[in-house]
Amino acid sequence: METALDVIGLAGVVGLLVVLFHPRISSSTNWQATVTPLASIIGSGFLVMAPLLNALVGSWAPLAIIGILLAAYAVGGVIRFNIAHIEPALEDGSAGTTLRDLDHLSDVSLGLAYAISVGFYLRLLSSFLLRPVLGESEFWARVLTTVVMVGIALLAWLRGLDGLEKLEEIAVNVKLSIIGGLILTLAVFDVVDLGRSIDEYGSLAHLTDPWNTIRALAGMLIVVQGFETSRYLGNKYDSATRILTMKRAQWISAAIYVVFIATAVPLFNSFPARIDETAILDGVKEAAPLLVPMVIIAAVFSQLSAGIADTAGGGGMLTGRSTRHSARMGYVTILAAAGVLVWSTNIFSIISLASRAFAVYYLIQAISAAVVAYRKSDRRALVGFLAVGALLAFVVIAAIPAGS
């Protein structure tokens, strides 16, 4: 049966690769504008979401991910509103001092958030790369993460990041194809072993501490973060395209997350008793061993491209892009800050820290949107933005790492 599942998974991967690399897809402007936020949203989620939700809520995981995704879509609505209403005001000078100050503050907070997320992405890359060789080793994972960071810093300083653009595009297509093949494999596995699937869903988890569970779920905001990148593609795409493709990216990623988690639940018993960022490999090994190295490849490409993208974005926001020297200093600053973080805390604490940092950025964006809604006397929008702001304030104040 394992051999058949391996074949099914590989067929799914190859089929999606053919589709995604087809010229009509790869040359589509709308798809290109969709890929950036989509790649960021699912950059680490398919790796850590299942182990985290298993530890927190067990077989309630599909409902939990739906709740997280709905909250993320509401936050995405704030960003889309700001693309449509605040960007033009900032460009033509009619925004006023309040909105300009809020926009500058949000850029600074996002730059800091990127520093944290770079540490998260590259630390996760190291975990997946080292596990087949050294097993679980916090020390060597940190060493490898530092080596990768130094390599990116040298490349950014000497040549900039332009040379990695094509690699990032290839990595996205490979990652999406492997995820698709993995989901297909898990779905067939669940149907074939239907009794086991029913038993796993029937053994609902008992939430011994609902309050801390909610706080830990709030700390997972970073897992579905990344849609805000559409806000910063204005030099290449108009506002209508960015709004449409951000929605599309969130819809596609939501479908991937929900189906993946739903099909992964029957494998939860295969995960280690303690929370482990590479636990998904144990589940995949049971269903289709041949896919394990492919998932590792997807993990490495995914985290490397995401780490590079956030290094570039964060560096530009912290120091500006007026000169090549200032941009390069920004890259090094982001990587240095990420390195300190990697050596001073564990990966799940980084997830919570990044969630808080991005929540601050989103909170400022929600406040900006509320200011515009108030000026337009749009009470419905104002109430909605204030509600989203309250949710984000809760994440900033109360979120905790999973496993706390």
Protein backbone atom coordinates (compact mmCIF):
# COMPACT_ATOMS: atom_id res chain seq x y z
CA MET A 1 0.00 0.00 0.00
CA GLU A 2 2.86 2.37 0.80
CA THR A 3 4.26 1.89 -2.70
CA ALA A 4 0.90 2.77 -4.25
CA LEU A 5 0.65 5.89 -2.09
CA ASP A 6 4.18 6.89 -3.08
CA VAL A 7 3.24 6.59 -6.75
CA ILE A 8 0.04 8.61 -6.24
CA GLY A 9 1.94 11.33 -4.40
CA LEU A 10 4.68 11.55 -7.01
CA ALA A 11 2.10 11.66 -9.81
CA GLY A 12 0.39 14.55 -8.06
CA VAL A 13 3.67 16.42 -7.67
CA VAL A 14 4.66 15.94 -11.32
CA GLY A 15 1.20 16.93 -12.56
CA LEU A 16 1.21 20.17 -10.59
CA LEU A 17 4.75 20.98 -11.70
CA VAL A 18 3.67 20.69 -15.34
CA VAL A 19 0.70 23.00 -14.69
CA LEU A 20 2.57 25.63 -12.67
CA PHE A 21 5.52 25.81 -15.07
CA HIS A 22 3.25 26.09 -18.11
CA PRO A 23 3.98 29.38 -19.93
CA ARG A 24 0.35 30.51 -19.74
CA ILE A 25 0.50 30.28 -15.95
CA SER A 26 4.03 31.50 -15.31
CA SER A 27 3.62 34.50 -17.64
CA SER A 28 0.22 35.57 -16.24
CA THR A 29 0.38 38.96 -14.52
CA ASN A 30 -2.40 38.06 -12.11
CA TRP A 31 -0.70 34.81 -11.17
CA GLN A 32 2.64 36.55 -10.64
CA ALA A 33 0.93 39.06 -8.34
CA THR A 34 -0.77 36.17 -6.51
CA VAL A 35 2.38 34.10 -6.01
CA THR A 36 4.16 36.57 -3.71
CA PRO A 37 1.50 36.74 -0.97
CA LEU A 38 0.56 33.08 -1.51
CA ALA A 39 4.14 31.91 -1.06
CA SER A 40 4.48 33.95 2.11
CA ILE A 41 1.17 32.79 3.61
CA ILE A 42 2.00 29.11 3.22
CA GLY A 43 5.73 29.55 3.76
CA SER A 44 5.88 27.62 7.03
CA GLY A 45 2.29 26.73 7.77
CA PHE A 46 2.21 23.37 6.06
CA LEU A 47 5.27 22.35 8.11
CA VAL A 48 4.32 23.40 11.65
CA MET A 49 0.55 23.83 11.66
CA ALA A 50 -0.34 20.15 12.05
CA PRO A 51 2.04 19.46 14.98
CA LEU A 52 0.97 22.67 16.74
CA LEU A 53 -2.76 22.07 16.36
CA ASN A 54 -2.35 18.43 17.35
CA ALA A 55 -0.72 19.50 20.61
CA LEU A 56 -3.27 22.25 21.28
CA VAL A 57 -6.66 20.91 20.18
CA GLY A 58 -6.19 17.41 18.76
CA SER A 59 -8.95 16.39 16.35
CA TRP A 60 -10.60 19.80 16.73
CA ALA A 61 -7.78 21.03 14.48
CA PRO A 62 -9.90 21.61 11.33
CA LEU A 63 -12.25 23.92 13.24
CA ALA A 64 -9.30 25.74 14.82
CA ILE A 65 -7.62 26.40 11.48
CA ILE A 66 -10.90 27.67 10.01
CA GLY A 67 -11.15 30.16 12.89
CA ILE A 68 -7.56 31.33 12.39
CA LEU A 69 -8.12 31.73 8.64
CA LEU A 70 -11.32 33.74 9.11
CA ALA A 71 -9.48 36.09 11.46
CA ALA A 72 -6.66 36.42 8.93
CA TYR A 73 -9.11 37.21 6.14
CA ALA A 74 -10.61 39.98 8.25
CA VAL A 75 -7.12 41.42 8.78
CA GLY A 76 -6.53 41.11 5.04
CA GLY A 77 -9.66 43.20 4.53
CA VAL A 78 -8.00 45.99 6.50
CA ILE A 79 -4.93 45.90 4.25
CA ARG A 80 -7.09 45.88 1.12
CA PHE A 81 -9.06 48.89 2.38
CA ASN A 82 -5.82 50.74 3.00
CA ILE A 83 -4.54 49.93 -0.49
CA ALA A 84 -7.70 51.43 -1.95
CA HIS A 85 -8.06 54.47 0.31
CA ILE A 86 -4.84 55.35 2.16
CA GLU A 87 -2.23 54.78 -0.56
CA PRO A 88 -3.77 57.39 -2.92
CA ALA A 89 -4.03 59.89 -0.07
CA LEU A 90 -0.39 59.36 0.86
CA GLU A 91 0.68 59.81 -2.76
CA ASP A 92 -1.27 63.01 -3.42
CA GLY A 93 -0.49 64.57 -0.03
CA SER A 94 -4.06 64.63 1.26
CA ALA A 95 -3.54 62.00 3.97
CA GLY A 96 -2.72 64.43 6.76
CA THR A 97 -0.18 64.19 9.54
CA THR A 98 -1.95 61.43 11.50
CA LEU A 99 -2.11 58.95 8.64
CA ARG A 100 1.46 59.74 7.52
CA ASP A 101 2.79 59.14 11.03
CA LEU A 102 0.81 55.92 11.39
CA ASP A 103 2.07 54.70 8.02
CA HIS A 104 5.69 55.40 8.98
CA LEU A 105 5.20 53.66 12.33
CA SER A 106 3.65 50.62 10.65
CA ASP A 107 6.61 50.40 8.25
CA VAL A 108 9.05 50.40 11.16
CA SER A 109 7.07 47.74 13.02
CA LEU A 110 6.90 45.58 9.89
CA GLY A 111 10.65 45.89 9.41
CA LEU A 112 11.17 44.63 12.97
CA ALA A 113 8.62 41.86 12.40
CA TYR A 114 10.56 40.77 9.35
CA ALA A 115 13.72 40.50 11.44
CA ILE A 116 11.94 38.08 13.73
CA SER A 117 10.36 36.11 10.89
CA VAL A 118 13.74 35.70 9.14
CA GLY A 119 15.02 34.01 12.28
CA PHE A 120 11.95 31.77 12.33
CA TYR A 121 12.12 30.78 8.66
CA LEU A 122 15.83 30.02 8.58
CA ARG A 123 15.77 28.20 11.94
CA LEU A 124 12.97 26.00 10.61
CA LEU A 125 15.00 25.37 7.45
CA SER A 126 17.88 24.11 9.57
CA SER A 127 15.65 21.77 11.57
CA PHE A 128 14.35 20.03 8.46
CA LEU A 129 17.76 19.88 6.79
CA LEU A 130 19.55 18.42 9.82
CA ARG A 131 16.98 15.96 11.09
CA PRO A 132 17.81 13.15 8.61
CA VAL A 133 21.52 13.52 9.47
CA LEU A 134 21.82 14.49 13.14
CA GLY A 135 18.29 14.10 14.45
CA GLU A 136 17.08 16.77 16.87
CA SER A 137 20.00 19.04 17.77
CA GLU A 138 19.24 22.57 18.94
CA PHE A 139 22.90 23.55 18.93
CA TRP A 140 23.72 22.39 15.41
CA ALA A 141 20.45 23.78 14.09
CA ARG A 142 21.47 27.18 15.44
CA VAL A 143 24.95 26.81 13.95
CA LEU A 144 23.54 25.95 10.51
CA THR A 145 21.05 28.80 10.74
CA THR A 146 23.90 31.20 11.45
CA VAL A 147 25.90 29.87 8.50
CA VAL A 148 22.91 30.37 6.18
CA MET A 149 22.40 33.91 7.52
CA VAL A 150 26.06 34.78 6.97
CA GLY A 151 25.85 33.42 3.42
CA ILE A 152 22.78 35.52 2.63
CA ALA A 153 24.40 38.58 4.21
CA LEU A 154 27.55 38.18 2.11
CA LEU A 155 25.53 37.69 -1.05
CA ALA A 156 23.36 40.72 -0.27
CA TRP A 157 26.40 42.86 0.50
CA LEU A 158 28.42 41.84 -2.54
CA ARG A 159 25.77 41.39 -5.24
CA GLY A 160 22.36 42.30 -3.87
CA LEU A 161 19.42 39.92 -3.99
CA ASP A 162 18.46 40.25 -7.66
CA GLY A 163 20.21 37.00 -8.56
CA LEU A 164 17.89 35.01 -6.30
CA GLU A 165 14.60 36.15 -7.89
CA LYS A 166 14.43 33.26 -10.35
CA LEU A 167 15.33 30.77 -7.62
CA GLU A 168 12.47 32.09 -5.52
CA GLU A 169 10.00 31.64 -8.39
CA ILE A 170 11.15 28.07 -8.94
CA ALA A 171 11.00 27.36 -5.20
CA VAL A 172 7.37 28.50 -5.02
CA ASN A 173 6.27 26.19 -7.83
CA VAL A 174 8.17 23.25 -6.36
CA LYS A 175 6.72 23.89 -2.93
CA LEU A 176 3.12 24.14 -4.16
CA SER A 177 3.52 20.97 -6.22
CA ILE A 178 4.86 18.96 -3.29
CA ILE A 179 2.10 20.23 -1.01
CA GLY A 180 -0.49 19.23 -3.60
CA GLY A 181 1.02 15.75 -3.95
CA LEU A 182 1.18 15.39 -0.16
CA ILE A 183 -2.48 16.35 0.28
CA LEU A 184 -3.53 13.89 -2.44
CA THR A 185 -1.54 11.12 -0.74
CA LEU A 186 -3.02 11.83 2.70
CA ALA A 187 -6.55 11.93 1.30
CA VAL A 188 -6.15 8.49 -0.30
CA PHE A 189 -4.50 7.16 2.88
CA ASP A 190 -7.44 8.35 4.98
CA VAL A 191 -10.01 6.77 2.67
CA VAL A 192 -8.18 3.43 2.48
CA ASP A 193 -7.84 3.28 6.26
CA LEU A 194 -11.27 4.75 6.92
CA GLY A 195 -11.72 2.99 10.24
CA ARG A 196 -8.62 4.60 11.66
CA SER A 197 -9.68 8.00 10.35
CA ILE A 198 -13.10 7.70 11.97
CA ASP A 199 -11.56 6.60 15.27
CA GLU A 200 -9.16 9.54 15.30
CA TYR A 201 -11.89 12.05 14.62
CA GLY A 202 -14.10 10.32 17.20
CA SER A 203 -11.54 10.73 19.97
CA LEU A 204 -12.05 14.44 20.45
CA ALA A 205 -9.37 16.17 22.50
CA HIS A 206 -10.21 17.31 26.00
CA LEU A 207 -9.18 20.94 26.45
CA THR A 208 -7.84 21.06 29.99
CA ASP A 209 -6.99 24.77 29.84
CA PRO A 210 -9.23 26.57 27.30
CA TRP A 211 -7.87 30.03 28.18
CA ASN A 212 -4.25 29.15 27.48
CA THR A 213 -5.32 27.21 24.38
CA ILE A 214 -6.95 30.36 23.01
CA ARG A 215 -3.84 32.37 23.84
CA ALA A 216 -1.62 29.82 22.08
CA LEU A 217 -3.86 29.83 19.00
CA ALA A 218 -3.55 33.63 18.97
CA GLY A 219 0.21 33.17 18.98
CA MET A 220 -0.04 31.29 15.67
CA LEU A 221 -0.99 34.38 13.64
CA ILE A 222 2.37 34.31 11.85
CA VAL A 223 1.53 30.94 10.32
CA VAL A 224 -1.08 32.51 8.03
CA GLN A 225 0.67 35.90 7.77
CA GLY A 226 2.12 37.18 4.52
CA PHE A 227 -0.81 38.64 2.62
CA GLU A 228 0.37 42.13 3.53
CA THR A 229 3.16 41.78 0.95
CA SER A 230 0.58 42.80 -1.70
CA ARG A 231 0.57 46.25 -0.11
CA TYR A 232 4.22 46.68 -1.11
CA LEU A 233 4.02 45.60 -4.75
CA GLY A 234 2.73 48.98 -5.92
CA ASN A 235 5.76 49.68 -8.08
CA LYS A 236 4.77 46.75 -10.31
CA TYR A 237 1.00 46.25 -9.98
CA ASP A 238 -1.91 48.67 -9.71
CA SER A 239 -4.18 48.74 -6.67
CA ALA A 240 -7.03 46.80 -8.29
CA THR A 241 -4.71 43.95 -9.24
CA ARG A 242 -3.16 43.81 -5.78
CA ILE A 243 -6.53 43.78 -4.03
CA LEU A 244 -7.86 41.01 -6.29
CA THR A 245 -4.73 38.86 -6.07
CA MET A 246 -4.47 39.27 -2.29
CA LYS A 247 -7.99 37.89 -1.97
CA ARG A 248 -7.11 35.07 -4.34
CA ALA A 249 -3.97 34.23 -2.37
CA GLN A 250 -5.94 34.06 0.86
CA TRP A 251 -8.64 31.89 -0.72
CA ILE A 252 -6.12 29.45 -2.21
CA SER A 253 -4.05 29.25 0.97
CA ALA A 254 -7.20 28.75 3.06
CA ALA A 255 -8.26 25.82 0.89
CA ILE A 256 -4.79 24.30 1.19
CA TYR A 257 -4.69 24.69 4.97
CA VAL A 258 -8.16 23.32 5.66
CA VAL A 259 -7.79 20.29 3.38
CA PHE A 260 -4.27 19.56 4.60
CA ILE A 261 -5.20 19.71 8.29
CA ALA A 262 -8.37 17.69 7.74
CA THR A 263 -6.43 14.92 5.96
CA ALA A 264 -3.56 15.02 8.51
CA VAL A 265 -5.73 14.45 11.62
CA PRO A 266 -5.73 10.62 11.24
CA LEU A 267 -1.91 10.74 11.47
CA PHE A 268 -1.81 12.75 14.69
CA ASN A 269 -1.05 9.61 16.72
CA SER A 270 2.17 9.26 14.71
CA PHE A 271 3.50 12.59 15.96
CA PRO A 272 5.91 12.76 18.92
CA ALA A 273 4.36 13.29 22.35
CA ARG A 274 6.09 16.65 22.70
CA ILE A 275 5.78 19.51 20.22
CA ASP A 276 8.37 19.10 17.47
CA GLU A 277 8.70 21.44 14.48
CA THR A 278 9.60 18.52 12.20
CA ALA A 279 6.87 16.18 13.45
CA ILE A 280 5.06 16.29 10.11
CA LEU A 281 7.83 14.05 8.75
CA ASP A 282 6.73 11.25 11.11
CA GLY A 283 3.20 11.36 9.74
CA VAL A 284 4.34 11.50 6.12
CA LYS A 285 6.71 8.58 6.72
CA GLU A 286 3.83 6.41 7.86
CA ALA A 287 1.65 7.25 4.86
CA ALA A 288 4.21 7.48 2.05
CA PRO A 289 7.92 7.14 2.98
CA LEU A 290 9.11 8.19 -0.47
CA LEU A 291 7.56 11.62 0.02
CA VAL A 292 9.64 12.37 3.14
CA PRO A 293 12.71 13.66 1.22
CA MET A 294 10.39 15.66 -1.04
CA VAL A 295 8.80 17.34 1.97
CA ILE A 296 12.29 18.16 3.25
CA ILE A 297 13.13 19.69 -0.15
CA ALA A 298 9.92 21.72 -0.03
CA ALA A 299 10.75 22.87 3.49
CA VAL A 300 14.26 24.00 2.56
CA PHE A 301 13.18 25.86 -0.59
CA SER A 302 10.20 27.38 1.18
CA GLN A 303 12.05 28.73 4.19
CA LEU A 304 15.06 29.92 2.19
CA SER A 305 12.92 31.92 -0.25
CA ALA A 306 10.77 33.30 2.55
CA GLY A 307 13.81 34.26 4.60
CA ILE A 308 15.43 36.02 1.65
CA ALA A 309 12.21 37.87 0.79
CA ASP A 310 11.74 39.08 4.36
CA THR A 311 15.39 40.11 4.58
CA ALA A 312 14.96 42.30 1.51
CA GLY A 313 11.64 43.74 2.65
CA GLY A 314 12.73 44.38 6.21
CA GLY A 315 16.07 45.86 5.20
CA GLY A 316 14.41 48.27 2.81
CA MET A 317 11.87 49.40 5.38
CA LEU A 318 14.44 49.93 8.13
CA THR A 319 16.97 51.94 6.12
CA GLY A 320 15.25 52.95 2.92
CA ARG A 321 16.37 52.28 -0.66
CA SER A 322 17.88 55.64 -1.53
CA THR A 323 21.38 54.16 -1.89
CA ARG A 324 22.79 50.69 -2.45
CA HIS A 325 24.88 51.07 0.69
CA SER A 326 21.90 51.82 2.95
CA ALA A 327 19.92 48.88 1.53
CA ARG A 328 22.85 46.52 2.10
CA MET A 329 23.24 47.78 5.67
CA GLY A 330 19.53 47.09 6.15
CA TYR A 331 19.95 43.48 5.01
CA VAL A 332 22.85 42.93 7.41
CA THR A 333 20.94 44.60 10.27
CA ILE A 334 17.92 42.35 9.75
CA LEU A 335 20.07 39.21 9.62
CA ALA A 336 22.11 40.24 12.67
CA ALA A 337 18.95 40.82 14.71
CA ALA A 338 17.56 37.48 13.53
CA GLY A 339 20.79 35.75 14.53
CA VAL A 340 20.62 37.10 18.08
CA LEU A 341 17.05 35.88 18.34
CA VAL A 342 17.89 32.38 17.06
CA TRP A 343 20.60 31.95 19.70
CA SER A 344 18.51 33.34 22.55
CA THR A 345 15.17 31.51 22.29
CA ASN A 346 13.53 28.38 20.90
CA ILE A 347 11.60 28.17 17.64
CA PHE A 348 8.13 28.15 19.19
CA SER A 349 8.93 31.27 21.20
CA ILE A 350 10.02 32.85 17.91
CA ILE A 351 6.60 32.00 16.45
CA SER A 352 4.87 33.82 19.30
CA LEU A 353 7.25 36.81 19.12
CA ALA A 354 6.73 37.10 15.38
CA SER A 355 2.97 36.88 15.86
CA ARG A 356 3.11 39.79 18.29
CA ALA A 357 5.35 41.84 16.00
CA PHE A 358 3.13 41.33 12.97
CA ALA A 359 0.06 41.92 15.14
CA VAL A 360 1.48 45.36 16.06
CA TYR A 361 1.87 46.14 12.37
CA TYR A 362 -1.66 44.95 11.58
CA LEU A 363 -3.01 46.84 14.60
CA ILE A 364 -1.53 50.09 13.31
CA GLN A 365 -3.02 49.34 9.90
CA ALA A 366 -6.43 48.76 11.53
CA ILE A 367 -6.17 52.07 13.40
CA SER A 368 -5.32 53.84 10.13
CA ALA A 369 -8.31 52.23 8.42
CA ALA A 370 -10.55 53.26 11.33
CA VAL A 371 -9.35 56.86 11.00
CA VAL A 372 -10.31 56.90 7.32
CA ALA A 373 -13.68 55.23 8.03
CA TYR A 374 -14.40 57.82 10.72
CA ARG A 375 -13.56 60.67 8.35
CA LYS A 376 -15.86 59.13 5.73
CA SER A 377 -18.62 58.62 8.34
CA ASP A 378 -18.72 54.93 7.41
CA ARG A 379 -19.98 53.50 10.71
CA ARG A 380 -20.16 49.89 9.54
CA ALA A 381 -16.54 49.92 8.38
CA LEU A 382 -15.49 51.76 11.53
CA VAL A 383 -17.03 49.11 13.79
CA GLY A 384 -15.42 46.34 11.75
CA PHE A 385 -11.96 47.88 11.87
CA LEU A 386 -12.23 48.51 15.60
CA ALA A 387 -13.24 44.86 16.13
CA VAL A 388 -10.23 43.66 14.12
CA GLY A 389 -8.04 46.07 16.10
CA ALA A 390 -9.34 44.62 19.38
CA LEU A 391 -8.49 41.11 18.19
CA LEU A 392 -4.98 42.19 17.23
CA ALA A 393 -4.51 43.96 20.55
CA PHE A 394 -5.38 40.66 22.24
CA VAL A 395 -2.66 38.91 20.20
CA VAL A 396 -0.11 41.55 21.16
CA ILE A 397 -0.94 41.37 24.86
CA ALA A 398 -1.99 37.79 25.52
CA ALA A 399 -0.47 35.46 22.90
CA ILE A 400 1.81 32.70 24.22
CA PRO A 401 3.97 30.08 22.49
CA ALA A 402 2.36 26.71 21.85
CA GLY A 403 3.34 24.30 24.59
CA SER A 404 3.55 26.97 27.31
